[in-house]
Amino acid sequence: MVDTLDSKSNVPWNVWVRVPPSVLMKKLDLHGTHHEVCKNKVLVFIENNIDNLPIEIITGNSLDMQLIVEDVVNLYGLIYSYPHHKNLGSLIISDKY
């Protein structure tokens, strides 16, 4: 979900962003990764793929893991969204438009 401005009122609205299936994204799966190691893995993954956005980071249902990823994404000034409203265990990372 990302913020976008309503075209008439300029009020920010949250919208879902669906990445077309034809887009091949690099993926980082954090299942089985300890929280202490997670931040460094995400930093390196984003740094290595900053020119190949969007990318996907699979966190599973761990809220702590999701918060770690969100903090790193915010450090880079990027945005994140969920691939689908039923799949909240994965984040799509992209540039601000």
C-alpha atoms as a PDB file:
ATOM      1  CA  MET A   1       0.000   0.000   0.000  1.00  0.00           C
ATOM      2  CA  VAL A   2       1.321   3.431  -0.865  1.00  0.00           C
ATOM      3  CA  ASP A   3       0.088   6.958  -0.358  1.00  0.00           C
ATOM      4  CA  THR A   4      -1.260   8.804  -3.350  1.00  0.00           C
ATOM      5  CA  LEU A   5      -3.078  12.100  -3.633  1.00  0.00           C
ATOM      6  CA  ASP A   6      -6.746  12.216  -4.532  1.00  0.00           C
ATOM      7  CA  SER A   7      -6.941  14.040  -7.862  1.00  0.00           C
ATOM      8  CA  LYS A   8      -9.671  16.440  -6.730  1.00  0.00           C
ATOM      9  CA  SER A   9      -8.938  17.227  -3.095  1.00  0.00           C
ATOM     10  CA  ASN A  10      -5.195  16.520  -2.825  1.00  0.00           C
ATOM     11  CA  VAL A  11      -5.938  14.456   0.284  1.00  0.00           C
ATOM     12  CA  PRO A  12      -3.566  11.477   0.712  1.00  0.00           C
ATOM     13  CA  TRP A  13      -5.163   8.055   0.275  1.00  0.00           C
ATOM     14  CA  ASN A  14      -3.614   4.631   0.795  1.00  0.00           C
ATOM     15  CA  VAL A  15      -3.827   2.421  -2.289  1.00  0.00           C
ATOM     16  CA  TRP A  16      -2.678  -1.099  -3.110  1.00  0.00           C
ATOM     17  CA  VAL A  17       0.004  -1.390  -5.763  1.00  0.00           C
ATOM     18  CA  ARG A  18       0.001  -4.590  -7.761  1.00  0.00           C
ATOM     19  CA  VAL A  19       3.183  -5.367  -9.658  1.00  0.00           C
ATOM     20  CA  PRO A  20       2.463  -6.982 -13.024  1.00  0.00           C
ATOM     21  CA  PRO A  21       3.416 -10.681 -13.183  1.00  0.00           C
ATOM     22  CA  SER A  22       5.659  -9.947 -16.160  1.00  0.00           C
ATOM     23  CA  VAL A  23       8.047  -7.998 -13.910  1.00  0.00           C
ATOM     24  CA  LEU A  24      10.808 -10.281 -12.683  1.00  0.00           C
ATOM     25  CA  MET A  25      11.854  -9.185  -9.243  1.00  0.00           C
ATOM     26  CA  LYS A  26      14.799 -10.192  -7.138  1.00  0.00           C
ATOM     27  CA  LYS A  27      13.602 -11.757  -3.885  1.00  0.00           C
ATOM     28  CA  LEU A  28      15.037 -12.067  -0.411  1.00  0.00           C
ATOM     29  CA  ASP A  29      13.399 -14.712   1.779  1.00  0.00           C
ATOM     30  CA  LEU A  30      13.962 -14.056   5.482  1.00  0.00           C
ATOM     31  CA  HIS A  31      12.300 -17.243   6.730  1.00  0.00           C
ATOM     32  CA  GLY A  32      14.597 -18.844   9.284  1.00  0.00           C
ATOM     33  CA  THR A  33      16.724 -15.702   9.660  1.00  0.00           C
ATOM     34  CA  HIS A  34      17.375 -14.485  13.195  1.00  0.00           C
ATOM     35  CA  HIS A  35      16.253 -10.940  13.921  1.00  0.00           C
ATOM     36  CA  GLU A  36      19.824  -9.906  14.795  1.00  0.00           C
ATOM     37  CA  VAL A  37      21.007 -10.798  11.280  1.00  0.00           C
ATOM     38  CA  CYS A  38      17.939  -9.516   9.434  1.00  0.00           C
ATOM     39  CA  LYS A  39      18.801  -5.815   9.299  1.00  0.00           C
ATOM     40  CA  ASN A  40      22.228  -6.425   7.771  1.00  0.00           C
ATOM     41  CA  LYS A  41      20.813  -8.855   5.173  1.00  0.00           C
ATOM     42  CA  VAL A  42      18.155  -6.345   4.147  1.00  0.00           C
ATOM     43  CA  LEU A  43      20.688  -3.487   3.962  1.00  0.00           C
ATOM     44  CA  VAL A  44      22.991  -5.500   1.692  1.00  0.00           C
ATOM     45  CA  PHE A  45      20.094  -6.762  -0.459  1.00  0.00           C
ATOM     46  CA  ILE A  46      18.681  -3.283  -1.042  1.00  0.00           C
ATOM     47  CA  GLU A  47      22.134  -1.814  -1.669  1.00  0.00           C
ATOM     48  CA  ASN A  48      22.909  -4.503  -4.259  1.00  0.00           C
ATOM     49  CA  ASN A  49      19.558  -4.049  -6.021  1.00  0.00           C
ATOM     50  CA  ILE A  50      18.878  -0.320  -5.676  1.00  0.00           C
ATOM     51  CA  ASP A  51      19.103   0.058  -9.476  1.00  0.00           C
ATOM     52  CA  ASN A  52      16.827  -2.947 -10.128  1.00  0.00           C
ATOM     53  CA  LEU A  53      13.672  -1.949  -8.248  1.00  0.00           C
ATOM     54  CA  PRO A  54      11.078  -3.235  -7.558  1.00  0.00           C
ATOM     55  CA  ILE A  55      12.316  -6.040  -5.319  1.00  0.00           C
ATOM     56  CA  GLU A  56      10.491  -8.350  -2.938  1.00  0.00           C
ATOM     57  CA  ILE A  57      11.389  -9.154   0.656  1.00  0.00           C
ATOM     58  CA  ILE A  58       9.565 -12.099   2.197  1.00  0.00           C
ATOM     59  CA  THR A  59       9.193 -11.644   5.940  1.00  0.00           C
ATOM     60  CA  GLY A  60       6.552 -14.174   6.845  1.00  0.00           C
ATOM     61  CA  ASN A  61       4.033 -13.138   9.487  1.00  0.00           C
ATOM     62  CA  SER A  62       6.584 -11.843  12.015  1.00  0.00           C
ATOM     63  CA  LEU A  63       5.661  -8.265  12.881  1.00  0.00           C
ATOM     64  CA  ASP A  64       9.143  -7.709  14.314  1.00  0.00           C
ATOM     65  CA  MET A  65      10.722  -8.793  11.022  1.00  0.00           C
ATOM     66  CA  GLN A  66       8.364  -6.542   9.062  1.00  0.00           C
ATOM     67  CA  LEU A  67       9.258  -3.560  11.253  1.00  0.00           C
ATOM     68  CA  ILE A  68      12.979  -4.187  10.734  1.00  0.00           C
ATOM     69  CA  VAL A  69      12.472  -4.249   6.949  1.00  0.00           C
ATOM     70  CA  GLU A  70      10.279  -1.130   7.044  1.00  0.00           C
ATOM     71  CA  ASP A  71      12.955   0.761   9.021  1.00  0.00           C
ATOM     72  CA  VAL A  72      15.636  -0.123   6.456  1.00  0.00           C
ATOM     73  CA  VAL A  73      13.341   0.803   3.559  1.00  0.00           C
ATOM     74  CA  ASN A  74      12.712   4.194   5.170  1.00  0.00           C
ATOM     75  CA  LEU A  75      16.485   4.737   5.561  1.00  0.00           C
ATOM     76  CA  TYR A  76      16.831   4.539   1.786  1.00  0.00           C
ATOM     77  CA  GLY A  77      13.841   6.810   1.141  1.00  0.00           C
ATOM     78  CA  LEU A  78      11.995   4.024  -0.655  1.00  0.00           C
ATOM     79  CA  ILE A  79       8.404   2.868  -0.331  1.00  0.00           C
ATOM     80  CA  TYR A  80       6.919  -0.545   0.307  1.00  0.00           C
ATOM     81  CA  SER A  81       3.616  -2.164  -0.507  1.00  0.00           C
ATOM     82  CA  TYR A  82       2.044  -5.577  -0.156  1.00  0.00           C
ATOM     83  CA  PRO A  83       1.693  -7.754  -3.248  1.00  0.00           C
ATOM     84  CA  HIS A  84      -1.892  -8.553  -2.287  1.00  0.00           C
ATOM     85  CA  HIS A  85      -4.198  -7.651   0.592  1.00  0.00           C
ATOM     86  CA  LYS A  86      -4.303 -11.325   1.577  1.00  0.00           C
ATOM     87  CA  ASN A  87      -0.509 -11.694   1.625  1.00  0.00           C
ATOM     88  CA  LEU A  88       0.965  -9.491   4.340  1.00  0.00           C
ATOM     89  CA  GLY A  89       4.067 -11.646   4.760  1.00  0.00           C
ATOM     90  CA  SER A  90       5.853 -10.101   1.816  1.00  0.00           C
ATOM     91  CA  LEU A  91       6.848  -6.522   0.951  1.00  0.00           C
ATOM     92  CA  ILE A  92       7.426  -5.036  -2.500  1.00  0.00           C
ATOM     93  CA  ILE A  93      10.086  -2.318  -2.327  1.00  0.00           C
ATOM     94  CA  SER A  94      10.105   0.419  -4.973  1.00  0.00           C
ATOM     95  CA  ASP A  95      11.122   4.013  -5.677  1.00  0.00           C
ATOM     96  CA  LYS A  96       8.916   6.911  -4.715  1.00  0.00           C
ATOM     97  CA  TYR A  97       7.048   8.069  -7.794  1.00  0.00           C
END
